[in-house]
Amino acid sequence: MKIKPFKKGEVICIASGVFESYHRFGPFLVEMDFDLNEFIATLEHSQKENWEIADLMHEIPRMLVAQGILSTIACRNVHLGAFGELQVKEEKGDYI
């Protein structure tokens, strides 16, 4: 499924995985117009094993920051709970 290109000035987050391997990255500020579909198409991934694809998905946000396409911005993350239990806490962690 393709997504529409990002425009300079947008704020985005990137996520990958499911359940215990779910990862969130960001938020990021889009520094220039770009098409993530085209970026992904340039990566060598068709012959990789599943674990290699998972590693690649984890690295894509860092690649976009390194190329100046995205920049990181400060953000506080708050978790409201899960499984029917309301428990407010601030999340800590590396979001890139």
Protein backbone atom coordinates (compact mmCIF):
# COMPACT_ATOMS: atom_id res chain seq x y z
CA MET A 1 0.00 0.00 0.00
CA LYS A 2 1.44 3.32 -1.03
CA ILE A 3 1.12 6.49 1.03
CA LYS A 4 1.08 10.04 -0.27
CA PRO A 5 4.39 11.96 -0.24
CA PHE A 6 5.34 14.00 2.81
CA LYS A 7 5.57 17.77 2.60
CA LYS A 8 8.19 19.98 4.22
CA GLY A 9 7.00 21.12 7.65
CA GLU A 10 4.88 18.06 8.46
CA VAL A 11 5.38 16.35 11.82
CA ILE A 12 5.39 12.55 11.56
CA CYS A 13 6.05 9.42 13.60
CA ILE A 14 7.10 6.10 12.11
CA ALA A 15 6.10 2.71 13.51
CA SER A 16 6.84 -0.90 12.60
CA GLY A 17 6.27 -4.37 13.98
CA VAL A 18 3.49 -5.94 16.04
CA PHE A 19 2.89 -6.75 19.70
CA GLU A 20 6.15 -7.13 21.68
CA SER A 21 8.27 -6.13 18.69
CA TYR A 22 6.31 -2.92 18.03
CA HIS A 23 8.59 0.11 17.62
CA ARG A 24 7.72 3.81 17.43
CA PHE A 25 10.16 6.39 16.13
CA GLY A 26 9.80 10.14 16.28
CA PRO A 27 8.35 12.59 16.24
CA PHE A 28 10.21 14.00 13.28
CA LEU A 29 9.98 17.24 11.35
CA VAL A 30 9.99 16.75 7.58
CA GLU A 31 12.80 18.97 6.28
CA MET A 32 12.06 18.57 2.56
CA ASP A 33 9.32 17.10 0.40
CA PHE A 34 9.93 13.39 -0.08
CA ASP A 35 8.21 10.20 -1.10
CA LEU A 36 8.73 7.35 1.37
CA ASN A 37 7.54 4.86 -1.24
CA GLU A 38 10.39 5.90 -3.55
CA PHE A 39 12.89 5.84 -0.68
CA ILE A 40 11.89 2.27 0.22
CA ALA A 41 12.11 1.24 -3.44
CA THR A 42 15.81 2.27 -3.49
CA LEU A 43 16.67 -0.10 -0.64
CA GLU A 44 17.90 -3.62 -1.36
CA HIS A 45 15.32 -5.71 0.48
CA SER A 46 13.69 -8.20 -1.87
CA GLN A 47 16.16 -11.03 -1.14
CA LYS A 48 16.43 -10.52 2.62
CA GLU A 49 15.28 -12.88 5.36
CA ASN A 50 12.45 -11.79 7.69
CA TRP A 51 14.85 -10.85 10.50
CA GLU A 52 16.92 -8.75 8.08
CA ILE A 53 13.76 -6.90 6.95
CA ALA A 54 12.91 -6.21 10.62
CA ASP A 55 16.41 -4.77 11.15
CA LEU A 56 16.05 -2.65 8.01
CA MET A 57 12.69 -1.25 9.19
CA HIS A 58 14.37 -0.28 12.46
CA GLU A 59 17.14 1.58 10.59
CA ILE A 60 15.01 3.53 8.08
CA PRO A 61 14.21 6.43 10.46
CA ARG A 62 17.93 6.82 11.26
CA MET A 63 18.73 6.77 7.53
CA LEU A 64 16.21 9.54 6.85
CA VAL A 65 17.65 11.68 9.67
CA ALA A 66 21.24 11.05 8.50
CA GLN A 67 20.30 12.23 4.99
CA GLY A 68 18.69 15.42 6.34
CA ILE A 69 15.23 14.43 5.14
CA LEU A 70 13.89 14.32 8.71
CA SER A 71 15.02 15.96 11.93
CA THR A 72 14.14 14.89 15.44
CA ILE A 73 12.02 17.12 17.64
CA ALA A 74 11.44 16.96 21.39
CA CYS A 75 8.28 15.32 22.62
CA ARG A 76 6.98 13.92 25.92
CA ASN A 77 5.21 10.57 25.63
CA VAL A 78 2.42 9.71 28.04
CA HIS A 79 0.95 6.21 28.40
CA LEU A 80 -2.64 5.98 29.65
CA GLY A 81 -2.71 2.26 30.45
CA ALA A 82 -3.76 -0.99 28.86
CA PHE A 83 -6.07 -3.97 29.25
CA GLY A 84 -8.83 -1.93 30.91
CA GLU A 85 -6.59 -0.43 33.59
CA LEU A 86 -6.12 3.35 33.70
CA GLN A 87 -2.52 4.03 34.70
CA VAL A 88 -1.00 7.36 33.70
CA LYS A 89 2.78 7.40 33.33
CA GLU A 90 5.39 9.15 31.25
CA GLU A 91 7.32 6.90 28.89
CA LYS A 92 11.08 7.14 28.64
CA GLY A 93 13.20 5.84 25.85
CA ASP A 94 15.07 6.35 22.64
CA TYR A 95 12.55 7.23 19.95
CA ILE A 96 14.96 7.14 17.05
